[in-house]
Amino acid sequence: MASLRHERRIAAPADVVWNTICRPETIPDWFPGIVLCTVEGNIRTVKTASGIEMPEEILTIDPLIRRFAYRMTAPIYRFHLGVIDVIELGVNDTLCIYSTTAEPDTLALIIAGGTIGALVEIQRLSEAAAKE
Protein backbone atom coordinates (compact mmCIF):
# COMPACT_ATOMS: atom_id res chain seq x y z
CA MET A 1 0.00 0.00 0.00
CA ALA A 2 1.41 3.40 -0.99
CA SER A 3 0.82 6.69 0.79
CA LEU A 4 1.71 10.05 -0.68
CA ARG A 5 1.15 13.56 0.61
CA HIS A 6 1.45 16.93 -1.08
CA GLU A 7 0.96 20.32 0.48
CA ARG A 8 0.66 23.90 -0.61
CA ARG A 9 0.80 27.16 1.27
CA ILE A 10 -2.02 29.47 0.19
CA ALA A 11 -2.26 33.24 0.71
CA ALA A 12 -5.91 33.22 1.77
CA PRO A 13 -7.88 32.72 4.98
CA ALA A 14 -8.45 29.08 5.95
CA ASP A 15 -12.23 29.53 5.72
CA VAL A 16 -11.89 30.67 2.11
CA VAL A 17 -9.72 27.66 1.24
CA TRP A 18 -12.15 25.36 3.05
CA ASN A 19 -15.06 26.86 1.13
CA THR A 20 -13.26 26.03 -2.12
CA ILE A 21 -13.15 22.29 -1.38
CA CYS A 22 -15.86 21.49 1.17
CA ARG A 23 -18.74 20.97 -1.25
CA PRO A 24 -18.36 17.54 -2.89
CA GLU A 25 -19.99 18.63 -6.15
CA THR A 26 -17.29 21.26 -6.82
CA ILE A 27 -14.47 18.76 -7.52
CA PRO A 28 -14.61 19.36 -11.32
CA ASP A 29 -13.68 22.99 -10.59
CA TRP A 30 -10.35 22.10 -9.01
CA PHE A 31 -9.26 18.50 -9.72
CA PRO A 32 -7.64 18.12 -13.14
CA GLY A 33 -9.19 15.54 -15.43
CA ILE A 34 -12.53 15.38 -13.62
CA VAL A 35 -15.21 16.86 -15.84
CA LEU A 36 -18.46 15.87 -14.15
CA CYS A 37 -19.72 14.85 -10.75
CA THR A 38 -22.95 13.73 -9.15
CA VAL A 39 -23.63 13.44 -5.43
CA GLU A 40 -26.36 11.32 -3.85
CA GLY A 41 -26.19 11.15 -0.08
CA ASN A 42 -22.62 10.20 0.81
CA ILE A 43 -21.82 8.79 -2.65
CA ARG A 44 -20.03 11.01 -5.15
CA THR A 45 -19.51 9.72 -8.67
CA VAL A 46 -16.87 11.51 -10.70
CA LYS A 47 -16.43 11.26 -14.44
CA THR A 48 -12.99 11.68 -15.96
CA ALA A 49 -12.18 13.41 -19.23
CA SER A 50 -11.63 9.95 -20.74
CA GLY A 51 -15.22 8.98 -19.82
CA ILE A 52 -14.49 6.70 -16.87
CA GLU A 53 -16.96 6.95 -13.99
CA MET A 54 -15.55 6.36 -10.51
CA PRO A 55 -17.75 6.07 -7.42
CA GLU A 56 -16.48 7.47 -4.13
CA GLU A 57 -17.80 7.26 -0.60
CA ILE A 58 -17.61 10.52 1.31
CA LEU A 59 -16.37 9.68 4.79
CA THR A 60 -15.97 13.09 6.43
CA ILE A 61 -16.81 16.70 5.75
CA ASP A 62 -15.79 18.32 9.03
CA PRO A 63 -15.92 22.13 9.06
CA LEU A 64 -14.51 22.34 12.62
CA ILE A 65 -11.17 20.76 11.74
CA ARG A 66 -11.57 21.54 8.02
CA ARG A 67 -11.13 17.96 6.82
CA PHE A 68 -12.64 16.31 3.75
CA ALA A 69 -12.08 12.55 3.49
CA TYR A 70 -13.31 10.08 0.90
CA ARG A 71 -12.55 6.67 -0.50
CA MET A 72 -12.82 5.45 -4.04
CA THR A 73 -14.95 2.35 -4.24
CA ALA A 74 -14.23 1.47 -7.89
CA PRO A 75 -13.24 -2.19 -8.25
CA ILE A 76 -9.78 -1.32 -9.59
CA TYR A 77 -8.84 -0.33 -6.01
CA ARG A 78 -8.27 -2.84 -3.25
CA PHE A 79 -8.05 0.18 -0.93
CA HIS A 80 -8.19 3.95 -1.30
CA LEU A 81 -8.32 6.89 1.11
CA GLY A 82 -8.07 10.55 0.13
CA VAL A 83 -7.87 13.27 2.77
CA ILE A 84 -7.70 17.05 2.35
CA ASP A 85 -6.79 19.07 5.44
CA VAL A 86 -6.99 22.86 5.58
CA ILE A 87 -4.88 24.32 8.38
CA GLU A 88 -4.86 27.98 9.40
CA LEU A 89 -1.31 29.27 9.89
CA GLY A 90 -2.21 32.97 10.04
CA VAL A 91 -4.80 35.50 8.91
CA ASN A 92 -4.08 35.08 5.18
CA ASP A 93 -1.81 32.06 5.44
CA THR A 94 -3.19 28.55 5.05
CA LEU A 95 -1.63 25.15 4.57
CA CYS A 96 -3.61 22.75 2.40
CA ILE A 97 -2.52 19.10 2.60
CA TYR A 98 -3.80 16.43 0.20
CA SER A 99 -2.98 12.85 1.21
CA THR A 100 -3.60 9.70 -0.79
CA THR A 101 -3.26 6.09 0.31
CA ALA A 102 -4.08 3.37 -2.19
CA GLU A 103 -3.55 -0.20 -3.22
CA PRO A 104 -2.38 -1.14 -5.78
CA ASP A 105 0.55 1.22 -5.34
CA THR A 106 0.60 2.40 -8.96
CA LEU A 107 -2.87 3.89 -8.58
CA ALA A 108 -1.67 5.92 -5.59
CA LEU A 109 1.06 7.38 -7.80
CA ILE A 110 -1.43 8.28 -10.53
CA ILE A 111 -3.86 9.96 -8.13
CA ALA A 112 -1.08 11.73 -6.25
CA GLY A 113 0.00 13.30 -9.53
CA GLY A 114 -3.51 14.68 -9.88
CA THR A 115 -3.49 16.00 -6.34
CA ILE A 116 -0.54 18.25 -7.20
CA GLY A 117 -2.63 19.85 -9.95
CA ALA A 118 -5.61 20.00 -7.59
CA LEU A 119 -3.59 21.94 -5.02
CA VAL A 120 -2.52 24.42 -7.70
CA GLU A 121 -6.18 25.00 -8.62
CA ILE A 122 -7.31 25.18 -5.00
CA GLN A 123 -4.65 27.84 -4.45
CA ARG A 124 -5.65 29.79 -7.56
CA LEU A 125 -9.36 29.73 -6.72
CA SER A 126 -8.85 30.51 -3.04
CA GLU A 127 -6.46 33.39 -3.59
CA ALA A 128 -8.80 34.89 -6.20
CA ALA A 129 -11.78 34.55 -3.84
CA ALA A 130 -9.81 36.16 -1.00
CA LYS A 131 -9.22 39.24 -3.17
CA GLU A 132 -12.93 39.73 -3.90
C-alpha atoms as a PDB file:
ATOM      1  CA  MET A   1       0.000   0.000   0.000  1.00  0.00           C
ATOM      2  CA  ALA A   2       1.412   3.396  -0.986  1.00  0.00           C
ATOM      3  CA  SER A   3       0.823   6.689   0.788  1.00  0.00           C
ATOM      4  CA  LEU A   4       1.706  10.054  -0.681  1.00  0.00           C
ATOM      5  CA  ARG A   5       1.152  13.559   0.611  1.00  0.00           C
ATOM      6  CA  HIS A   6       1.446  16.927  -1.075  1.00  0.00           C
ATOM      7  CA  GLU A   7       0.964  20.316   0.478  1.00  0.00           C
ATOM      8  CA  ARG A   8       0.658  23.900  -0.608  1.00  0.00           C
ATOM      9  CA  ARG A   9       0.805  27.158   1.270  1.00  0.00           C
ATOM     10  CA  ILE A  10      -2.016  29.469   0.194  1.00  0.00           C
ATOM     11  CA  ALA A  11      -2.259  33.241   0.706  1.00  0.00           C
ATOM     12  CA  ALA A  12      -5.912  33.216   1.765  1.00  0.00           C
ATOM     13  CA  PRO A  13      -7.883  32.717   4.979  1.00  0.00           C
ATOM     14  CA  ALA A  14      -8.448  29.079   5.949  1.00  0.00           C
ATOM     15  CA  ASP A  15     -12.232  29.527   5.721  1.00  0.00           C
ATOM     16  CA  VAL A  16     -11.888  30.670   2.108  1.00  0.00           C
ATOM     17  CA  VAL A  17      -9.725  27.660   1.240  1.00  0.00           C
ATOM     18  CA  TRP A  18     -12.154  25.357   3.048  1.00  0.00           C
ATOM     19  CA  ASN A  19     -15.064  26.857   1.129  1.00  0.00           C
ATOM     20  CA  THR A  20     -13.256  26.034  -2.121  1.00  0.00           C
ATOM     21  CA  ILE A  21     -13.145  22.291  -1.383  1.00  0.00           C
ATOM     22  CA  CYS A  22     -15.856  21.491   1.171  1.00  0.00           C
ATOM     23  CA  ARG A  23     -18.743  20.971  -1.251  1.00  0.00           C
ATOM     24  CA  PRO A  24     -18.359  17.539  -2.892  1.00  0.00           C
ATOM     25  CA  GLU A  25     -19.987  18.631  -6.153  1.00  0.00           C
ATOM     26  CA  THR A  26     -17.285  21.256  -6.824  1.00  0.00           C
ATOM     27  CA  ILE A  27     -14.471  18.761  -7.523  1.00  0.00           C
ATOM     28  CA  PRO A  28     -14.608  19.358 -11.320  1.00  0.00           C
ATOM     29  CA  ASP A  29     -13.677  22.987 -10.592  1.00  0.00           C
ATOM     30  CA  TRP A  30     -10.345  22.101  -9.010  1.00  0.00           C
ATOM     31  CA  PHE A  31      -9.265  18.496  -9.721  1.00  0.00           C
ATOM     32  CA  PRO A  32      -7.635  18.122 -13.144  1.00  0.00           C
ATOM     33  CA  GLY A  33      -9.190  15.540 -15.426  1.00  0.00           C
ATOM     34  CA  ILE A  34     -12.526  15.380 -13.617  1.00  0.00           C
ATOM     35  CA  VAL A  35     -15.207  16.860 -15.836  1.00  0.00           C
ATOM     36  CA  LEU A  36     -18.458  15.875 -14.148  1.00  0.00           C
ATOM     37  CA  CYS A  37     -19.718  14.845 -10.749  1.00  0.00           C
ATOM     38  CA  THR A  38     -22.953  13.730  -9.148  1.00  0.00           C
ATOM     39  CA  VAL A  39     -23.633  13.441  -5.433  1.00  0.00           C
ATOM     40  CA  GLU A  40     -26.357  11.317  -3.852  1.00  0.00           C
ATOM     41  CA  GLY A  41     -26.187  11.148  -0.079  1.00  0.00           C
ATOM     42  CA  ASN A  42     -22.617  10.203   0.807  1.00  0.00           C
ATOM     43  CA  ILE A  43     -21.822   8.795  -2.653  1.00  0.00           C
ATOM     44  CA  ARG A  44     -20.033  11.007  -5.147  1.00  0.00           C
ATOM     45  CA  THR A  45     -19.510   9.720  -8.668  1.00  0.00           C
ATOM     46  CA  VAL A  46     -16.873  11.512 -10.703  1.00  0.00           C
ATOM     47  CA  LYS A  47     -16.434  11.257 -14.437  1.00  0.00           C
ATOM     48  CA  THR A  48     -12.993  11.680 -15.960  1.00  0.00           C
ATOM     49  CA  ALA A  49     -12.179  13.414 -19.235  1.00  0.00           C
ATOM     50  CA  SER A  50     -11.632   9.947 -20.744  1.00  0.00           C
ATOM     51  CA  GLY A  51     -15.220   8.982 -19.825  1.00  0.00           C
ATOM     52  CA  ILE A  52     -14.486   6.698 -16.867  1.00  0.00           C
ATOM     53  CA  GLU A  53     -16.958   6.947 -13.989  1.00  0.00           C
ATOM     54  CA  MET A  54     -15.551   6.360 -10.515  1.00  0.00           C
ATOM     55  CA  PRO A  55     -17.753   6.069  -7.415  1.00  0.00           C
ATOM     56  CA  GLU A  56     -16.479   7.473  -4.133  1.00  0.00           C
ATOM     57  CA  GLU A  57     -17.796   7.258  -0.596  1.00  0.00           C
ATOM     58  CA  ILE A  58     -17.614  10.524   1.307  1.00  0.00           C
ATOM     59  CA  LEU A  59     -16.371   9.684   4.791  1.00  0.00           C
ATOM     60  CA  THR A  60     -15.965  13.086   6.433  1.00  0.00           C
ATOM     61  CA  ILE A  61     -16.809  16.699   5.746  1.00  0.00           C
ATOM     62  CA  ASP A  62     -15.790  18.316   9.027  1.00  0.00           C
ATOM     63  CA  PRO A  63     -15.920  22.130   9.065  1.00  0.00           C
ATOM     64  CA  LEU A  64     -14.510  22.339  12.620  1.00  0.00           C
ATOM     65  CA  ILE A  65     -11.172  20.756  11.738  1.00  0.00           C
ATOM     66  CA  ARG A  66     -11.567  21.540   8.019  1.00  0.00           C
ATOM     67  CA  ARG A  67     -11.126  17.965   6.820  1.00  0.00           C
ATOM     68  CA  PHE A  68     -12.637  16.312   3.746  1.00  0.00           C
ATOM     69  CA  ALA A  69     -12.082  12.545   3.492  1.00  0.00           C
ATOM     70  CA  TYR A  70     -13.309  10.082   0.902  1.00  0.00           C
ATOM     71  CA  ARG A  71     -12.549   6.665  -0.497  1.00  0.00           C
ATOM     72  CA  MET A  72     -12.821   5.449  -4.044  1.00  0.00           C
ATOM     73  CA  THR A  73     -14.946   2.352  -4.245  1.00  0.00           C
ATOM     74  CA  ALA A  74     -14.230   1.472  -7.888  1.00  0.00           C
ATOM     75  CA  PRO A  75     -13.244  -2.195  -8.246  1.00  0.00           C
ATOM     76  CA  ILE A  76      -9.781  -1.320  -9.593  1.00  0.00           C
ATOM     77  CA  TYR A  77      -8.839  -0.329  -6.014  1.00  0.00           C
ATOM     78  CA  ARG A  78      -8.265  -2.835  -3.246  1.00  0.00           C
ATOM     79  CA  PHE A  79      -8.052   0.177  -0.926  1.00  0.00           C
ATOM     80  CA  HIS A  80      -8.189   3.953  -1.296  1.00  0.00           C
ATOM     81  CA  LEU A  81      -8.316   6.889   1.105  1.00  0.00           C
ATOM     82  CA  GLY A  82      -8.067  10.547   0.129  1.00  0.00           C
ATOM     83  CA  VAL A  83      -7.870  13.271   2.770  1.00  0.00           C
ATOM     84  CA  ILE A  84      -7.701  17.046   2.350  1.00  0.00           C
ATOM     85  CA  ASP A  85      -6.794  19.070   5.435  1.00  0.00           C
ATOM     86  CA  VAL A  86      -6.989  22.858   5.582  1.00  0.00           C
ATOM     87  CA  ILE A  87      -4.879  24.325   8.384  1.00  0.00           C
ATOM     88  CA  GLU A  88      -4.855  27.976   9.403  1.00  0.00           C
ATOM     89  CA  LEU A  89      -1.313  29.273   9.886  1.00  0.00           C
ATOM     90  CA  GLY A  90      -2.209  32.973  10.042  1.00  0.00           C
ATOM     91  CA  VAL A  91      -4.796  35.498   8.914  1.00  0.00           C
ATOM     92  CA  ASN A  92      -4.082  35.077   5.177  1.00  0.00           C
ATOM     93  CA  ASP A  93      -1.812  32.063   5.445  1.00  0.00           C
ATOM     94  CA  THR A  94      -3.194  28.549   5.049  1.00  0.00           C
ATOM     95  CA  LEU A  95      -1.627  25.150   4.571  1.00  0.00           C
ATOM     96  CA  CYS A  96      -3.615  22.746   2.397  1.00  0.00           C
ATOM     97  CA  ILE A  97      -2.522  19.100   2.601  1.00  0.00           C
ATOM     98  CA  TYR A  98      -3.797  16.431   0.205  1.00  0.00           C
ATOM     99  CA  SER A  99      -2.981  12.848   1.206  1.00  0.00           C
ATOM    100  CA  THR A 100      -3.598   9.695  -0.794  1.00  0.00           C
ATOM    101  CA  THR A 101      -3.256   6.088   0.312  1.00  0.00           C
ATOM    102  CA  ALA A 102      -4.076   3.371  -2.192  1.00  0.00           C
ATOM    103  CA  GLU A 103      -3.548  -0.198  -3.219  1.00  0.00           C
ATOM    104  CA  PRO A 104      -2.382  -1.138  -5.782  1.00  0.00           C
ATOM    105  CA  ASP A 105       0.553   1.220  -5.336  1.00  0.00           C
ATOM    106  CA  THR A 106       0.597   2.396  -8.958  1.00  0.00           C
ATOM    107  CA  LEU A 107      -2.871   3.894  -8.579  1.00  0.00           C
ATOM    108  CA  ALA A 108      -1.669   5.919  -5.592  1.00  0.00           C
ATOM    109  CA  LEU A 109       1.057   7.382  -7.799  1.00  0.00           C
ATOM    110  CA  ILE A 110      -1.430   8.283 -10.530  1.00  0.00           C
ATOM    111  CA  ILE A 111      -3.857   9.961  -8.131  1.00  0.00           C
ATOM    112  CA  ALA A 112      -1.078  11.725  -6.250  1.00  0.00           C
ATOM    113  CA  GLY A 113       0.001  13.301  -9.530  1.00  0.00           C
ATOM    114  CA  GLY A 114      -3.512  14.681  -9.885  1.00  0.00           C
ATOM    115  CA  THR A 115      -3.486  16.001  -6.339  1.00  0.00           C
ATOM    116  CA  ILE A 116      -0.540  18.253  -7.203  1.00  0.00           C
ATOM    117  CA  GLY A 117      -2.627  19.851  -9.954  1.00  0.00           C
ATOM    118  CA  ALA A 118      -5.609  20.004  -7.593  1.00  0.00           C
ATOM    119  CA  LEU A 119      -3.595  21.936  -5.019  1.00  0.00           C
ATOM    120  CA  VAL A 120      -2.516  24.415  -7.701  1.00  0.00           C
ATOM    121  CA  GLU A 121      -6.177  24.999  -8.621  1.00  0.00           C
ATOM    122  CA  ILE A 122      -7.311  25.178  -4.997  1.00  0.00           C
ATOM    123  CA  GLN A 123      -4.650  27.838  -4.452  1.00  0.00           C
ATOM    124  CA  ARG A 124      -5.646  29.791  -7.559  1.00  0.00           C
ATOM    125  CA  LEU A 125      -9.358  29.731  -6.724  1.00  0.00           C
ATOM    126  CA  SER A 126      -8.852  30.507  -3.042  1.00  0.00           C
ATOM    127  CA  GLU A 127      -6.463  33.391  -3.587  1.00  0.00           C
ATOM    128  CA  ALA A 128      -8.800  34.894  -6.198  1.00  0.00           C
ATOM    129  CA  ALA A 129     -11.784  34.553  -3.839  1.00  0.00           C
ATOM    130  CA  ALA A 130      -9.812  36.160  -0.999  1.00  0.00           C
ATOM    131  CA  LYS A 131      -9.223  39.245  -3.174  1.00  0.00           C
ATOM    132  CA  GLU A 132     -12.932  39.727  -3.901  1.00  0.00           C
END
